[in-house]
């Protein structure tokens, strides 16, 4: 038995390939600094949700719109690179886990400062 499901292996492969496509093939000067943080693939491998993180807050919405318009290009590039029966349809979403982690970190620091001042 394999250590993890095929959909997990495919999502790891898609994350690497999509990041490479965005970095080197997508020639749009409006795109800022993007990180592909993860890919969720359905169990039938027909749909892939790509989570991206954008560095600057003001570039998030325009970057997501650019990626949504380029998803057919990304899918065609995937079909050239991967040997799969079906290339999944790609949908881009913003990854909010980094902001969530920053918020939790800030709250923990505030609690630590309150404990130090009350002692």
N, C-alpha and C. Protein backbone atom coordinates (compact mmCIF):
# COMPACT_ATOMS: atom_id res chain seq x y z
N UNK A 1 0.84 -1.19 0.00
CA UNK A 1 0.00 0.00 0.00
C UNK A 1 0.88 1.25 0.00
N UNK A 2 0.49 2.23 -0.76
CA UNK A 2 1.24 3.47 -0.84
C UNK A 2 1.05 4.28 0.44
N UNK A 3 2.01 5.10 0.80
CA UNK A 3 1.92 5.84 2.06
C UNK A 3 0.79 6.87 2.10
N UNK A 4 0.39 7.40 0.95
CA UNK A 4 -0.74 8.33 0.95
C UNK A 4 -1.47 8.26 -0.39
N UNK A 5 -2.66 8.82 -0.42
CA UNK A 5 -3.55 8.68 -1.56
C UNK A 5 -2.99 9.32 -2.83
N UNK A 6 -3.51 8.87 -3.94
CA UNK A 6 -3.08 9.41 -5.23
C UNK A 6 -3.44 10.88 -5.35
N UNK A 7 -4.59 11.26 -4.84
CA UNK A 7 -4.98 12.67 -4.92
C UNK A 7 -3.99 13.57 -4.19
N UNK A 8 -3.41 13.08 -3.11
CA UNK A 8 -2.40 13.85 -2.38
C UNK A 8 -1.12 13.99 -3.20
N UNK A 9 -0.71 12.90 -3.85
CA UNK A 9 0.48 12.96 -4.69
C UNK A 9 0.26 13.90 -5.88
N UNK A 10 -0.93 13.84 -6.47
CA UNK A 10 -1.25 14.71 -7.60
C UNK A 10 -1.28 16.17 -7.15
N UNK A 11 -1.83 16.44 -5.97
CA UNK A 11 -1.88 17.82 -5.50
C UNK A 11 -0.48 18.38 -5.25
N UNK A 12 0.43 17.56 -4.73
CA UNK A 12 1.81 18.00 -4.54
C UNK A 12 2.47 18.32 -5.89
N UNK A 13 2.25 17.45 -6.86
CA UNK A 13 2.81 17.66 -8.19
C UNK A 13 2.22 18.92 -8.84
N UNK A 14 0.91 19.10 -8.71
CA UNK A 14 0.26 20.28 -9.28
C UNK A 14 0.77 21.56 -8.64
N UNK A 15 0.99 21.54 -7.33
CA UNK A 15 1.49 22.73 -6.64
C UNK A 15 2.85 23.14 -7.21
N UNK A 16 3.74 22.18 -7.40
CA UNK A 16 5.06 22.48 -7.95
C UNK A 16 4.97 23.00 -9.38
N UNK A 17 4.17 22.34 -10.20
CA UNK A 17 4.08 22.72 -11.61
C UNK A 17 3.38 24.07 -11.79
N UNK A 18 2.32 24.31 -11.05
CA UNK A 18 1.59 25.58 -11.18
C UNK A 18 2.47 26.73 -10.69
N UNK A 19 3.21 26.52 -9.63
CA UNK A 19 4.13 27.56 -9.16
C UNK A 19 5.17 27.88 -10.23
N UNK A 20 5.67 26.86 -10.90
CA UNK A 20 6.65 27.06 -11.96
C UNK A 20 6.03 27.79 -13.16
N UNK A 21 4.81 27.42 -13.50
CA UNK A 21 4.12 28.07 -14.63
C UNK A 21 3.89 29.55 -14.32
N UNK A 22 3.42 29.86 -13.12
CA UNK A 22 3.16 31.25 -12.76
C UNK A 22 4.46 32.04 -12.75
N UNK A 23 5.51 31.42 -12.26
CA UNK A 23 6.78 32.13 -12.13
C UNK A 23 7.46 32.39 -13.48
N UNK A 24 7.46 31.40 -14.35
CA UNK A 24 8.26 31.50 -15.56
C UNK A 24 7.47 31.64 -16.86
N UNK A 25 6.23 31.20 -16.90
CA UNK A 25 5.48 31.22 -18.16
C UNK A 25 4.45 32.34 -18.23
N UNK A 26 3.89 32.72 -17.10
CA UNK A 26 2.85 33.74 -17.07
C UNK A 26 3.53 35.11 -17.14
N UNK A 27 3.45 35.73 -18.28
CA UNK A 27 4.18 36.99 -18.52
C UNK A 27 3.23 38.18 -18.36
N UNK A 28 2.77 38.39 -17.14
CA UNK A 28 1.91 39.54 -16.86
C UNK A 28 2.64 40.44 -15.86
N UNK A 29 2.97 41.67 -16.27
CA UNK A 29 3.73 42.54 -15.36
C UNK A 29 2.94 43.01 -14.14
N UNK A 30 1.62 42.85 -14.15
CA UNK A 30 0.80 43.28 -13.02
C UNK A 30 0.87 42.31 -11.85
N UNK A 31 1.36 41.11 -12.11
CA UNK A 31 1.43 40.11 -11.04
C UNK A 31 2.61 40.43 -10.14
N UNK A 32 2.34 40.51 -8.85
CA UNK A 32 3.38 40.78 -7.87
C UNK A 32 4.02 39.50 -7.38
N UNK A 33 4.42 39.51 -6.13
CA UNK A 33 5.06 38.36 -5.52
C UNK A 33 3.99 37.38 -5.05
N UNK A 34 3.94 36.20 -5.68
CA UNK A 34 2.92 35.19 -5.39
C UNK A 34 3.60 33.92 -4.89
N UNK A 35 2.99 33.29 -3.91
CA UNK A 35 3.42 31.99 -3.45
C UNK A 35 2.25 31.03 -3.55
N UNK A 36 2.46 29.90 -4.21
CA UNK A 36 1.44 28.86 -4.25
C UNK A 36 1.60 28.04 -2.98
N UNK A 37 0.64 28.20 -2.06
CA UNK A 37 0.79 27.56 -0.75
C UNK A 37 0.24 26.15 -0.71
N UNK A 38 -0.70 25.83 -1.57
CA UNK A 38 -1.25 24.49 -1.56
C UNK A 38 -2.24 24.27 -2.67
N UNK A 39 -2.54 22.99 -2.92
CA UNK A 39 -3.53 22.62 -3.92
C UNK A 39 -4.38 21.52 -3.33
N UNK A 40 -5.69 21.71 -3.38
CA UNK A 40 -6.63 20.66 -2.98
C UNK A 40 -7.23 20.06 -4.24
N UNK A 41 -7.15 18.73 -4.35
CA UNK A 41 -7.69 18.04 -5.51
C UNK A 41 -8.82 17.15 -5.03
N UNK A 42 -9.91 17.13 -5.80
CA UNK A 42 -11.02 16.24 -5.45
C UNK A 42 -10.55 14.79 -5.63
N UNK A 43 -11.27 13.87 -5.01
CA UNK A 43 -10.84 12.47 -5.06
C UNK A 43 -10.91 11.87 -6.46
N UNK A 44 -11.77 12.44 -7.34
CA UNK A 44 -11.82 11.96 -8.72
C UNK A 44 -10.84 12.68 -9.64
N UNK A 45 -10.05 13.60 -9.07
CA UNK A 45 -9.00 14.34 -9.78
C UNK A 45 -9.53 15.22 -10.91
N UNK A 46 -10.77 15.65 -10.81
CA UNK A 46 -11.35 16.48 -11.87
C UNK A 46 -11.22 17.98 -11.59
N UNK A 47 -11.13 18.36 -10.32
CA UNK A 47 -11.05 19.77 -9.96
C UNK A 47 -9.90 19.99 -8.98
N UNK A 48 -9.21 21.11 -9.17
CA UNK A 48 -8.11 21.47 -8.28
C UNK A 48 -8.31 22.91 -7.83
N UNK A 49 -8.28 23.12 -6.52
CA UNK A 49 -8.34 24.45 -5.96
C UNK A 49 -6.92 24.83 -5.54
N UNK A 50 -6.42 25.90 -6.15
CA UNK A 50 -5.05 26.34 -5.91
C UNK A 50 -5.10 27.52 -4.96
N UNK A 51 -4.41 27.41 -3.82
CA UNK A 51 -4.36 28.48 -2.83
C UNK A 51 -3.08 29.27 -3.02
N UNK A 52 -3.24 30.58 -3.17
CA UNK A 52 -2.09 31.45 -3.38
C UNK A 52 -2.04 32.51 -2.30
N UNK A 53 -0.84 32.93 -2.00
CA UNK A 53 -0.61 34.00 -1.03
C UNK A 53 0.08 35.13 -1.77
N UNK A 54 -0.42 36.36 -1.58
CA UNK A 54 0.13 37.53 -2.23
C UNK A 54 0.75 38.41 -1.15
N UNK A 55 1.94 38.92 -1.42
CA UNK A 55 2.68 39.65 -0.41
C UNK A 55 2.01 40.96 -0.01
N UNK A 56 1.66 41.79 -0.97
CA UNK A 56 1.08 43.10 -0.65
C UNK A 56 -0.44 43.02 -0.61
N UNK A 57 -1.02 43.64 0.40
CA UNK A 57 -2.47 43.61 0.62
C UNK A 57 -3.23 44.21 -0.56
N UNK A 58 -2.73 45.33 -1.10
CA UNK A 58 -3.44 46.02 -2.17
C UNK A 58 -3.37 45.28 -3.51
N UNK A 59 -2.48 44.30 -3.64
CA UNK A 59 -2.35 43.54 -4.89
C UNK A 59 -3.16 42.25 -4.88
N UNK A 60 -3.80 41.91 -3.77
CA UNK A 60 -4.47 40.61 -3.66
C UNK A 60 -5.60 40.44 -4.66
N UNK A 61 -6.54 41.38 -4.68
CA UNK A 61 -7.69 41.25 -5.55
C UNK A 61 -7.32 41.29 -7.03
N UNK A 62 -6.50 42.27 -7.48
CA UNK A 62 -6.12 42.26 -8.91
C UNK A 62 -5.35 41.01 -9.32
N UNK A 63 -4.48 40.53 -8.44
CA UNK A 63 -3.70 39.33 -8.76
C UNK A 63 -4.61 38.12 -8.90
N UNK A 64 -5.58 38.00 -8.01
CA UNK A 64 -6.52 36.88 -8.10
C UNK A 64 -7.33 36.94 -9.39
N UNK A 65 -7.73 38.14 -9.80
CA UNK A 65 -8.48 38.30 -11.06
C UNK A 65 -7.61 37.91 -12.25
N UNK A 66 -6.34 38.30 -12.23
CA UNK A 66 -5.43 37.94 -13.32
C UNK A 66 -5.27 36.42 -13.39
N UNK A 67 -5.11 35.79 -12.24
CA UNK A 67 -4.95 34.33 -12.22
C UNK A 67 -6.22 33.63 -12.70
N UNK A 68 -7.39 34.16 -12.34
CA UNK A 68 -8.64 33.56 -12.79
C UNK A 68 -8.78 33.64 -14.31
N UNK A 69 -8.34 34.76 -14.89
CA UNK A 69 -8.42 34.86 -16.35
C UNK A 69 -7.37 33.99 -17.04
N UNK A 70 -6.29 33.67 -16.34
CA UNK A 70 -5.22 32.86 -16.93
C UNK A 70 -5.35 31.37 -16.63
N UNK A 71 -6.45 30.95 -16.01
CA UNK A 71 -6.53 29.54 -15.60
C UNK A 71 -6.60 28.58 -16.79
N UNK A 72 -7.15 29.01 -17.93
CA UNK A 72 -7.14 28.12 -19.10
C UNK A 72 -5.72 27.96 -19.63
N UNK A 73 -4.93 29.03 -19.58
CA UNK A 73 -3.52 28.94 -19.98
C UNK A 73 -2.75 28.00 -19.05
N UNK A 74 -3.00 28.13 -17.75
CA UNK A 74 -2.32 27.27 -16.77
C UNK A 74 -2.70 25.81 -17.01
N UNK A 75 -3.96 25.57 -17.29
CA UNK A 75 -4.41 24.19 -17.54
C UNK A 75 -3.78 23.63 -18.81
N UNK A 76 -3.67 24.44 -19.85
CA UNK A 76 -3.05 23.95 -21.08
C UNK A 76 -1.56 23.67 -20.87
N UNK A 77 -0.89 24.50 -20.07
CA UNK A 77 0.51 24.24 -19.75
C UNK A 77 0.65 22.95 -18.94
N UNK A 78 -0.29 22.72 -18.03
CA UNK A 78 -0.26 21.48 -17.25
C UNK A 78 -0.42 20.27 -18.16
N UNK A 79 -1.27 20.39 -19.17
CA UNK A 79 -1.48 19.25 -20.07
C UNK A 79 -0.22 18.94 -20.87
N UNK A 80 0.62 19.95 -21.12
CA UNK A 80 1.88 19.71 -21.82
C UNK A 80 2.91 19.05 -20.92
N UNK A 81 2.84 19.33 -19.62
CA UNK A 81 3.86 18.86 -18.69
C UNK A 81 3.54 17.52 -18.03
N UNK A 82 2.25 17.24 -17.83
CA UNK A 82 1.85 16.06 -17.06
C UNK A 82 1.27 14.98 -17.97
N UNK A 83 1.53 13.76 -17.61
CA UNK A 83 0.94 12.64 -18.33
C UNK A 83 -0.18 12.07 -17.47
N UNK A 84 -1.35 12.68 -17.62
CA UNK A 84 -2.53 12.24 -16.88
C UNK A 84 -3.67 12.08 -17.87
N UNK A 85 -4.58 11.20 -17.53
CA UNK A 85 -5.75 10.99 -18.40
C UNK A 85 -6.60 12.25 -18.43
N UNK A 86 -6.85 12.83 -17.27
CA UNK A 86 -7.62 14.06 -17.17
C UNK A 86 -6.78 15.11 -16.45
N UNK A 87 -6.71 16.28 -17.04
CA UNK A 87 -6.07 17.41 -16.36
C UNK A 87 -7.18 18.12 -15.60
N UNK A 88 -7.02 18.31 -14.30
CA UNK A 88 -8.11 18.93 -13.52
C UNK A 88 -8.34 20.39 -13.90
N UNK A 89 -9.59 20.82 -13.75
CA UNK A 89 -9.87 22.24 -13.92
C UNK A 89 -9.29 22.97 -12.72
N UNK A 90 -8.78 24.16 -12.95
CA UNK A 90 -8.05 24.90 -11.94
C UNK A 90 -8.87 26.09 -11.48
N UNK A 91 -8.93 26.28 -10.17
CA UNK A 91 -9.60 27.44 -9.58
C UNK A 91 -8.66 28.03 -8.54
N UNK A 92 -8.48 29.34 -8.60
CA UNK A 92 -7.55 30.01 -7.69
C UNK A 92 -8.30 30.67 -6.55
N UNK A 93 -7.75 30.55 -5.33
CA UNK A 93 -8.31 31.20 -4.15
C UNK A 93 -7.18 31.76 -3.31
N UNK A 94 -7.49 32.83 -2.59
CA UNK A 94 -6.50 33.41 -1.69
C UNK A 94 -6.36 32.55 -0.44
N UNK A 95 -5.15 32.36 0.01
CA UNK A 95 -4.88 31.60 1.23
C UNK A 95 -4.78 32.58 2.39
N UNK A 96 -5.67 32.44 3.33
CA UNK A 96 -5.70 33.36 4.46
C UNK A 96 -4.98 32.79 5.69
N UNK A 97 -4.32 31.67 5.56
CA UNK A 97 -3.68 31.04 6.72
C UNK A 97 -2.51 31.87 7.25
N UNK A 98 -1.82 32.59 6.39
CA UNK A 98 -0.69 33.40 6.86
C UNK A 98 -1.19 34.55 7.72
N UNK A 99 -2.27 35.23 7.27
CA UNK A 99 -2.83 36.31 8.07
C UNK A 99 -3.39 35.77 9.39
N UNK A 100 -4.00 34.60 9.33
CA UNK A 100 -4.55 33.99 10.54
C UNK A 100 -3.43 33.66 11.53
N UNK A 101 -2.32 33.14 11.02
CA UNK A 101 -1.17 32.84 11.88
C UNK A 101 -0.57 34.10 12.48
N UNK A 102 -0.51 35.18 11.70
CA UNK A 102 -0.01 36.45 12.23
C UNK A 102 -0.91 36.98 13.33
N UNK A 103 -2.21 36.84 13.14
CA UNK A 103 -3.18 37.31 14.15
C UNK A 103 -3.00 36.54 15.45
N UNK A 104 -2.86 35.23 15.36
CA UNK A 104 -2.68 34.40 16.56
C UNK A 104 -1.35 34.75 17.24
N UNK A 105 -0.31 34.95 16.45
CA UNK A 105 1.00 35.31 17.00
C UNK A 105 0.92 36.64 17.75
N UNK A 106 0.21 37.60 17.18
CA UNK A 106 0.06 38.91 17.82
C UNK A 106 -0.72 38.79 19.14
N UNK A 107 -1.77 37.97 19.15
CA UNK A 107 -2.55 37.77 20.37
C UNK A 107 -1.71 37.09 21.46
N UNK A 108 -0.90 36.11 21.06
CA UNK A 108 -0.05 35.43 22.05
C UNK A 108 0.99 36.38 22.63
N UNK A 109 1.53 37.28 21.81
CA UNK A 109 2.48 38.26 22.31
C UNK A 109 1.81 39.22 23.29
N UNK A 110 0.57 39.63 22.98
CA UNK A 110 -0.16 40.53 23.88
C UNK A 110 -0.41 39.85 25.22
N UNK A 111 -0.77 38.58 25.19
CA UNK A 111 -1.01 37.84 26.44
C UNK A 111 0.29 37.74 27.23
N UNK A 112 1.40 37.47 26.54
CA UNK A 112 2.70 37.40 27.22
C UNK A 112 3.09 38.71 27.84
N UNK A 113 2.82 39.82 27.17
CA UNK A 113 3.15 41.14 27.72
C UNK A 113 2.28 41.46 28.94
N UNK A 114 1.01 41.07 28.92
CA UNK A 114 0.12 41.31 30.06
C UNK A 114 0.58 40.51 31.27
N UNK A 115 1.01 39.26 31.03
CA UNK A 115 1.50 38.43 32.14
C UNK A 115 2.76 39.01 32.75
N UNK A 116 3.64 39.55 31.93
CA UNK A 116 4.89 40.15 32.42
C UNK A 116 4.63 41.40 33.21
N UNK A 117 3.66 42.21 32.79
CA UNK A 117 3.38 43.47 33.48
C UNK A 117 2.61 43.24 34.80
N UNK A 118 1.82 42.19 34.88
CA UNK A 118 1.05 41.93 36.09
C UNK A 118 1.89 41.25 37.17
N UNK A 119 3.00 40.68 36.82
CA UNK A 119 3.85 39.97 37.80
C UNK A 119 4.67 40.91 38.64
